[in-house]
């Protein structure tokens, strides 16, 4: 059976756009064949804005997604294998979904390490920027990591 990841990614991308929100993806930049600017990678992960207004020639295929985007004024080609996409969410609300791991992907361990690093970074910022607790009744579990 084929992976459901590309279908979920395309469906959520369309839903986010239909609601006039900004789709962001969380990418595991340590996966093979990932082509993203090295300056955007932090702790082996990168968050990318894939909104129609931010990218050019976006292709959401079954094996990978690819597009052109500007970084520091320079147009660059990005290529992300589908296995490297960890999540898609709306930047404004945080609503979205962690994509299910394919068989043997080791994605859960990578994501746990990323969340641990994010929590450590938040603790290092100090009391002037405390994390906000989730609102009661909200089902979202994604966090925006800057």
N, C-alpha and C. Protein backbone atom coordinates (compact mmCIF):
# COMPACT_ATOMS: atom_id res chain seq x y z
N UNK A 1 0.84 -1.18 0.00
CA UNK A 1 0.00 0.00 0.00
C UNK A 1 0.89 1.25 0.00
N UNK A 2 0.47 2.28 -0.69
CA UNK A 2 1.26 3.51 -0.74
C UNK A 2 1.07 4.31 0.55
N UNK A 3 2.01 5.19 0.80
CA UNK A 3 1.97 6.03 2.00
C UNK A 3 0.81 7.03 1.91
N UNK A 4 0.19 7.31 3.05
CA UNK A 4 -0.88 8.31 3.08
C UNK A 4 -0.35 9.71 3.35
N UNK A 5 0.94 9.83 3.65
CA UNK A 5 1.54 11.13 3.99
C UNK A 5 1.33 12.20 2.92
N UNK A 6 1.60 11.92 1.63
CA UNK A 6 1.42 12.99 0.64
C UNK A 6 -0.03 13.43 0.50
N UNK A 7 -0.95 12.51 0.69
CA UNK A 7 -2.37 12.83 0.58
C UNK A 7 -2.82 13.70 1.75
N UNK A 8 -2.34 13.36 2.95
CA UNK A 8 -2.67 14.18 4.12
C UNK A 8 -2.05 15.58 4.00
N UNK A 9 -0.82 15.64 3.53
CA UNK A 9 -0.14 16.92 3.36
C UNK A 9 -0.90 17.81 2.38
N UNK A 10 -1.29 17.25 1.23
CA UNK A 10 -2.02 18.04 0.23
C UNK A 10 -3.39 18.49 0.76
N UNK A 11 -4.07 17.61 1.48
CA UNK A 11 -5.39 17.96 2.01
C UNK A 11 -5.28 19.08 3.04
N UNK A 12 -4.33 18.99 3.94
CA UNK A 12 -4.18 20.02 4.96
C UNK A 12 -3.67 21.32 4.35
N UNK A 13 -2.82 21.24 3.35
CA UNK A 13 -2.34 22.44 2.65
C UNK A 13 -3.54 23.17 2.04
N UNK A 14 -4.41 22.43 1.39
CA UNK A 14 -5.59 23.04 0.77
C UNK A 14 -6.53 23.63 1.83
N UNK A 15 -6.74 22.91 2.93
CA UNK A 15 -7.61 23.39 4.00
C UNK A 15 -7.07 24.68 4.60
N UNK A 16 -5.77 24.73 4.85
CA UNK A 16 -5.15 25.93 5.43
C UNK A 16 -5.31 27.11 4.48
N UNK A 17 -5.04 26.88 3.19
CA UNK A 17 -5.20 27.95 2.19
C UNK A 17 -6.65 28.40 2.06
N UNK A 18 -7.58 27.47 2.08
CA UNK A 18 -9.01 27.81 1.96
C UNK A 18 -9.48 28.70 3.11
N UNK A 19 -8.79 28.61 4.23
CA UNK A 19 -9.14 29.43 5.40
C UNK A 19 -8.29 30.69 5.50
N UNK A 20 -7.61 31.03 4.40
CA UNK A 20 -6.78 32.24 4.33
C UNK A 20 -5.73 32.30 5.43
N UNK A 21 -5.14 31.16 5.73
CA UNK A 21 -4.07 31.08 6.71
C UNK A 21 -2.77 30.73 6.00
N UNK A 22 -1.67 30.71 6.72
CA UNK A 22 -0.34 30.49 6.15
C UNK A 22 0.16 29.09 6.49
N UNK A 23 0.33 28.21 5.48
CA UNK A 23 0.80 26.86 5.77
C UNK A 23 2.31 26.82 6.01
N UNK A 24 2.70 26.22 7.11
CA UNK A 24 4.10 26.01 7.46
C UNK A 24 4.31 24.50 7.58
N UNK A 25 5.51 24.05 7.24
CA UNK A 25 5.86 22.65 7.44
C UNK A 25 7.08 22.57 8.33
N UNK A 26 7.12 21.52 9.12
CA UNK A 26 8.29 21.20 9.94
C UNK A 26 9.02 20.07 9.24
N UNK A 27 10.30 20.28 8.94
CA UNK A 27 11.09 19.33 8.15
C UNK A 27 12.27 18.82 8.97
N UNK A 28 12.50 17.52 8.89
CA UNK A 28 13.69 16.92 9.46
C UNK A 28 14.80 17.05 8.43
N UNK A 29 15.66 18.03 8.61
CA UNK A 29 16.71 18.33 7.63
C UNK A 29 17.84 17.31 7.64
N UNK A 30 17.83 16.37 8.58
CA UNK A 30 18.87 15.34 8.62
C UNK A 30 18.55 14.16 7.72
N UNK A 31 17.33 14.10 7.19
CA UNK A 31 16.94 13.01 6.31
C UNK A 31 17.71 13.07 5.00
N UNK A 32 17.94 11.93 4.35
CA UNK A 32 18.66 11.92 3.07
C UNK A 32 17.91 12.72 2.00
N UNK A 33 18.67 13.37 1.13
CA UNK A 33 18.18 14.10 -0.04
C UNK A 33 17.43 15.39 0.27
N UNK A 34 17.37 15.83 1.52
CA UNK A 34 16.74 17.11 1.85
C UNK A 34 17.64 18.23 1.35
N UNK A 35 17.07 19.14 0.56
CA UNK A 35 17.82 20.28 0.05
C UNK A 35 17.13 21.56 0.54
N UNK A 36 17.68 22.14 1.62
CA UNK A 36 17.20 23.40 2.17
C UNK A 36 18.43 24.24 2.51
N UNK A 37 18.29 25.57 2.56
CA UNK A 37 19.45 26.39 2.91
C UNK A 37 19.96 26.03 4.31
N UNK A 38 21.25 25.80 4.42
CA UNK A 38 21.85 25.41 5.70
C UNK A 38 21.62 26.46 6.78
N UNK A 39 21.51 27.73 6.38
CA UNK A 39 21.33 28.80 7.35
C UNK A 39 19.96 28.75 8.04
N UNK A 40 19.02 28.01 7.47
CA UNK A 40 17.68 27.92 8.05
C UNK A 40 17.53 26.76 9.02
N UNK A 41 18.49 25.87 9.06
CA UNK A 41 18.40 24.66 9.87
C UNK A 41 18.87 24.94 11.29
N UNK A 42 18.05 24.51 12.26
CA UNK A 42 18.40 24.63 13.67
C UNK A 42 18.10 23.29 14.34
N UNK A 43 19.09 22.74 14.98
CA UNK A 43 18.96 21.44 15.66
C UNK A 43 18.45 20.36 14.70
N UNK A 44 18.87 20.43 13.45
CA UNK A 44 18.48 19.41 12.48
C UNK A 44 17.09 19.56 11.92
N UNK A 45 16.39 20.64 12.27
CA UNK A 45 15.01 20.87 11.82
C UNK A 45 14.92 22.24 11.17
N UNK A 46 13.92 22.39 10.33
CA UNK A 46 13.65 23.69 9.73
C UNK A 46 12.14 23.83 9.56
N UNK A 47 11.65 25.03 9.81
CA UNK A 47 10.25 25.35 9.58
C UNK A 47 10.19 26.21 8.33
N UNK A 48 9.37 25.80 7.36
CA UNK A 48 9.29 26.50 6.08
C UNK A 48 7.88 26.99 5.80
N UNK A 49 7.78 28.21 5.33
CA UNK A 49 6.52 28.80 4.90
C UNK A 49 6.30 28.33 3.46
N UNK A 50 5.21 27.62 3.21
CA UNK A 50 4.92 27.15 1.85
C UNK A 50 3.66 27.80 1.29
N UNK A 51 3.35 29.00 1.76
CA UNK A 51 2.19 29.73 1.25
C UNK A 51 2.41 30.08 -0.22
N UNK A 52 1.33 30.17 -0.97
CA UNK A 52 1.42 30.49 -2.39
C UNK A 52 2.15 31.79 -2.64
N UNK A 53 2.00 32.76 -1.75
CA UNK A 53 2.65 34.06 -1.93
C UNK A 53 4.13 34.03 -1.57
N UNK A 54 4.58 32.97 -0.90
CA UNK A 54 5.97 32.90 -0.43
C UNK A 54 6.85 32.00 -1.29
N UNK A 55 6.24 31.17 -2.13
CA UNK A 55 7.02 30.22 -2.92
C UNK A 55 6.63 30.31 -4.39
N UNK A 56 7.46 29.71 -5.22
CA UNK A 56 7.22 29.66 -6.65
C UNK A 56 7.34 28.20 -7.10
N UNK A 57 6.50 27.79 -8.02
CA UNK A 57 6.56 26.44 -8.61
C UNK A 57 6.45 25.34 -7.57
N UNK A 58 5.53 25.47 -6.63
CA UNK A 58 5.34 24.45 -5.59
C UNK A 58 4.76 23.18 -6.22
N UNK A 59 5.41 22.06 -5.95
CA UNK A 59 4.91 20.76 -6.38
C UNK A 59 4.82 19.86 -5.15
N UNK A 60 3.60 19.39 -4.89
CA UNK A 60 3.35 18.49 -3.77
C UNK A 60 3.14 17.10 -4.36
N UNK A 61 4.22 16.39 -4.62
CA UNK A 61 4.14 15.07 -5.24
C UNK A 61 3.99 13.98 -4.21
N UNK A 62 3.97 12.74 -4.69
CA UNK A 62 3.84 11.60 -3.78
C UNK A 62 5.17 11.24 -3.11
N UNK A 63 6.28 11.54 -3.77
CA UNK A 63 7.59 11.20 -3.23
C UNK A 63 8.25 12.36 -2.50
N UNK A 64 7.94 13.60 -2.92
CA UNK A 64 8.61 14.77 -2.34
C UNK A 64 7.82 16.02 -2.65
N UNK A 65 8.20 17.11 -1.98
CA UNK A 65 7.69 18.42 -2.36
C UNK A 65 8.89 19.27 -2.74
N UNK A 66 8.66 20.14 -3.73
CA UNK A 66 9.75 20.99 -4.19
C UNK A 66 9.18 22.35 -4.54
N UNK A 67 10.04 23.37 -4.43
CA UNK A 67 9.62 24.73 -4.75
C UNK A 67 10.83 25.65 -4.75
N UNK A 68 10.62 26.86 -5.23
CA UNK A 68 11.64 27.90 -5.16
C UNK A 68 11.17 28.92 -4.14
N UNK A 69 12.11 29.43 -3.37
CA UNK A 69 11.81 30.46 -2.37
C UNK A 69 13.03 31.36 -2.22
N UNK A 70 12.78 32.57 -1.71
CA UNK A 70 13.87 33.52 -1.51
C UNK A 70 14.33 33.48 -0.04
N UNK A 71 15.65 33.44 0.09
CA UNK A 71 16.27 33.51 1.40
C UNK A 71 17.34 34.58 1.30
N UNK A 72 17.23 35.62 2.12
CA UNK A 72 18.15 36.77 2.07
C UNK A 72 18.23 37.35 0.66
N UNK A 73 17.08 37.37 -0.01
CA UNK A 73 17.00 37.97 -1.34
C UNK A 73 17.48 37.09 -2.48
N UNK A 74 17.90 35.87 -2.17
CA UNK A 74 18.42 34.97 -3.20
C UNK A 74 17.42 33.83 -3.41
N UNK A 75 17.00 33.64 -4.67
CA UNK A 75 16.07 32.57 -5.00
C UNK A 75 16.80 31.23 -4.94
N UNK A 76 16.21 30.27 -4.23
CA UNK A 76 16.83 28.96 -4.08
C UNK A 76 15.80 27.87 -4.32
N UNK A 77 16.26 26.75 -4.84
CA UNK A 77 15.41 25.57 -5.06
C UNK A 77 15.47 24.71 -3.81
N UNK A 78 14.31 24.30 -3.31
CA UNK A 78 14.23 23.43 -2.14
C UNK A 78 13.58 22.12 -2.55
N UNK A 79 14.08 21.04 -1.99
CA UNK A 79 13.55 19.71 -2.26
C UNK A 79 13.45 18.98 -0.92
N UNK A 80 12.25 18.49 -0.61
CA UNK A 80 12.02 17.81 0.66
C UNK A 80 11.32 16.49 0.40
N UNK A 81 12.01 15.36 0.60
CA UNK A 81 11.35 14.07 0.48
C UNK A 81 10.18 13.98 1.46
N UNK A 82 9.13 13.31 1.06
CA UNK A 82 7.93 13.23 1.88
C UNK A 82 8.23 12.66 3.27
N UNK A 83 9.19 11.74 3.37
CA UNK A 83 9.52 11.14 4.67
C UNK A 83 10.13 12.16 5.63
N UNK A 84 10.65 13.27 5.11
CA UNK A 84 11.28 14.28 5.96
C UNK A 84 10.29 15.31 6.49
N UNK A 85 9.06 15.33 5.98
CA UNK A 85 8.05 16.27 6.45
C UNK A 85 7.43 15.70 7.73
N UNK A 86 7.65 16.40 8.84
CA UNK A 86 7.15 15.92 10.13
C UNK A 86 5.75 16.43 10.44
N UNK A 87 5.43 17.66 9.99
CA UNK A 87 4.13 18.26 10.33
C UNK A 87 3.80 19.37 9.35
N UNK A 88 2.51 19.69 9.27
CA UNK A 88 2.02 20.85 8.55
C UNK A 88 1.01 21.54 9.46
N UNK A 89 1.09 22.87 9.51
CA UNK A 89 0.17 23.60 10.39
C UNK A 89 -0.03 25.02 9.89
N UNK A 90 -1.09 25.66 10.38
CA UNK A 90 -1.37 27.05 10.07
C UNK A 90 -0.58 27.92 11.04
N UNK A 91 0.23 28.81 10.50
CA UNK A 91 1.10 29.65 11.33
C UNK A 91 0.30 30.49 12.30
N UNK A 92 -0.83 31.01 11.89
CA UNK A 92 -1.60 31.93 12.73
C UNK A 92 -2.28 31.25 13.90
N UNK A 93 -2.71 29.99 13.74
CA UNK A 93 -3.48 29.32 14.78
C UNK A 93 -2.76 28.12 15.40
N UNK A 94 -1.76 27.59 14.70
CA UNK A 94 -1.10 26.39 15.18
C UNK A 94 -1.86 25.12 14.86
N UNK A 95 -3.03 25.24 14.23
CA UNK A 95 -3.82 24.06 13.90
C UNK A 95 -3.19 23.34 12.72
N UNK A 96 -3.13 22.05 12.80
CA UNK A 96 -2.55 21.25 11.75
C UNK A 96 -2.40 19.83 12.23
N UNK A 97 -1.35 19.17 11.74
CA UNK A 97 -1.19 17.78 12.14
C UNK A 97 0.24 17.31 11.99
N UNK A 98 0.63 16.47 12.93
CA UNK A 98 1.88 15.73 12.79
C UNK A 98 1.58 14.62 11.81
N UNK A 99 2.42 14.44 10.83
CA UNK A 99 2.17 13.40 9.84
C UNK A 99 2.60 12.05 10.41
N UNK A 100 1.81 11.01 10.15
CA UNK A 100 2.15 9.70 10.70
C UNK A 100 3.45 9.18 10.09
N UNK A 101 4.23 8.49 10.89
CA UNK A 101 5.49 7.92 10.42
C UNK A 101 5.23 6.76 9.49
N UNK A 102 6.04 6.66 8.45
CA UNK A 102 6.01 5.48 7.60
C UNK A 102 6.75 4.37 8.32
N UNK A 103 6.55 3.14 7.90
CA UNK A 103 7.20 2.00 8.54
C UNK A 103 8.71 2.19 8.59
N UNK A 104 9.29 1.98 9.78
CA UNK A 104 10.74 2.01 9.94
C UNK A 104 11.36 3.39 9.81
N UNK A 105 10.57 4.45 9.95
CA UNK A 105 11.09 5.79 9.69
C UNK A 105 11.89 6.37 10.85
N UNK A 106 11.63 5.94 12.09
CA UNK A 106 12.36 6.51 13.23
C UNK A 106 11.97 7.95 13.49
N UNK A 107 10.81 8.37 13.03
CA UNK A 107 10.38 9.76 13.11
C UNK A 107 10.00 10.14 14.53
N UNK A 108 9.42 9.21 15.28
CA UNK A 108 8.98 9.55 16.64
C UNK A 108 10.15 9.97 17.51
N UNK A 109 11.27 9.26 17.43
CA UNK A 109 12.43 9.61 18.22
C UNK A 109 12.98 10.98 17.82
N UNK A 110 13.01 11.24 16.51
CA UNK A 110 13.52 12.53 16.02
C UNK A 110 12.64 13.68 16.51
N UNK A 111 11.32 13.48 16.47
CA UNK A 111 10.41 14.53 16.91
C UNK A 111 10.51 14.76 18.42
N UNK A 112 10.65 13.68 19.19
CA UNK A 112 10.79 13.84 20.64
C UNK A 112 12.05 14.64 20.97
N UNK A 113 13.13 14.37 20.27
CA UNK A 113 14.37 15.12 20.49
C UNK A 113 14.18 16.58 20.12
N UNK A 114 13.45 16.84 19.06
CA UNK A 114 13.20 18.23 18.65
C UNK A 114 12.36 18.95 19.69
N UNK A 115 11.30 18.30 20.20
CA UNK A 115 10.45 18.93 21.21
C UNK A 115 11.23 19.19 22.49
N UNK A 116 12.12 18.26 22.86
CA UNK A 116 12.94 18.46 24.05
C UNK A 116 13.85 19.66 23.87
N UNK A 117 14.47 19.80 22.69
CA UNK A 117 15.32 20.96 22.43
C UNK A 117 14.51 22.26 22.46
N UNK A 118 13.30 22.23 21.93
CA UNK A 118 12.45 23.42 21.94
C UNK A 118 12.11 23.83 23.37
N UNK A 119 11.82 22.83 24.22
CA UNK A 119 11.50 23.13 25.62
C UNK A 119 12.73 23.69 26.34
N UNK A 120 13.90 23.15 26.06
CA UNK A 120 15.14 23.65 26.66
C UNK A 120 15.40 25.08 26.22
N UNK A 121 15.21 25.36 24.91
CA UNK A 121 15.38 26.72 24.40
C UNK A 121 14.42 27.68 25.08
N UNK A 122 13.19 27.25 25.30
CA UNK A 122 12.19 28.10 25.95
C UNK A 122 12.60 28.38 27.40
N UNK A 123 13.15 27.37 28.07
CA UNK A 123 13.59 27.56 29.46
C UNK A 123 14.78 28.51 29.51
N UNK A 124 15.65 28.47 28.50
CA UNK A 124 16.82 29.34 28.46
C UNK A 124 16.46 30.80 28.25
N UNK A 125 15.29 31.07 27.66
CA UNK A 125 14.90 32.46 27.39
C UNK A 125 14.61 33.23 28.67
N UNK A 126 14.21 32.54 29.69
CA UNK A 126 13.97 33.21 30.97
C UNK A 126 12.54 33.64 31.16
N UNK A 127 12.27 34.35 32.29
CA UNK A 127 10.90 34.69 32.66
C UNK A 127 10.25 35.74 31.77
N UNK A 128 11.03 36.52 30.98
CA UNK A 128 10.40 37.56 30.17
C UNK A 128 9.62 36.98 29.00
N UNK A 129 9.80 35.70 28.69
CA UNK A 129 9.13 35.10 27.55
C UNK A 129 8.60 33.71 27.91
N UNK A 130 7.71 33.60 28.93
CA UNK A 130 7.28 32.28 29.37
C UNK A 130 6.37 31.61 28.34
N UNK A 131 6.39 30.28 28.26
CA UNK A 131 5.49 29.59 27.34
C UNK A 131 4.05 29.73 27.81
N UNK A 132 3.15 29.83 26.86
CA UNK A 132 1.73 29.94 27.19
C UNK A 132 1.12 28.55 27.27
N UNK A 133 0.30 28.29 28.28
CA UNK A 133 -0.36 26.98 28.35
C UNK A 133 -1.44 26.90 27.28
N UNK A 134 -1.73 25.68 26.80
CA UNK A 134 -2.78 25.55 25.79
C UNK A 134 -4.14 25.95 26.36
N UNK A 135 -4.97 26.51 25.50
CA UNK A 135 -6.30 26.92 25.92
C UNK A 135 -7.14 25.69 26.21
N UNK A 136 -7.99 25.74 27.24
CA UNK A 136 -8.83 24.59 27.56
C UNK A 136 -9.75 24.28 26.38
N UNK A 137 -9.88 22.99 26.09
CA UNK A 137 -10.79 22.58 25.04
C UNK A 137 -10.17 22.61 23.65
N UNK A 138 -8.97 23.15 23.51
CA UNK A 138 -8.30 23.18 22.21
C UNK A 138 -7.63 21.82 21.99
N UNK A 139 -7.77 21.26 20.80
CA UNK A 139 -7.19 19.97 20.49
C UNK A 139 -5.80 20.06 19.90
N UNK A 140 -5.33 21.27 19.55
CA UNK A 140 -4.03 21.40 18.90
C UNK A 140 -2.89 21.07 19.83
N UNK A 141 -1.87 20.42 19.29
CA UNK A 141 -0.72 20.08 20.09
C UNK A 141 0.58 20.57 19.46
N UNK A 142 0.47 21.32 18.38
CA UNK A 142 1.66 21.85 17.73
C UNK A 142 2.04 23.19 18.34
N UNK A 143 3.35 23.45 18.36
CA UNK A 143 3.84 24.72 18.85
C UNK A 143 4.64 25.39 17.75
N UNK A 144 4.58 26.71 17.72
CA UNK A 144 5.38 27.48 16.78
C UNK A 144 6.73 27.70 17.44
N UNK A 145 7.78 27.24 16.77
CA UNK A 145 9.13 27.39 17.29
C UNK A 145 9.85 28.40 16.43
N UNK A 146 10.30 29.47 17.07
CA UNK A 146 10.98 30.52 16.31
C UNK A 146 12.46 30.38 16.43
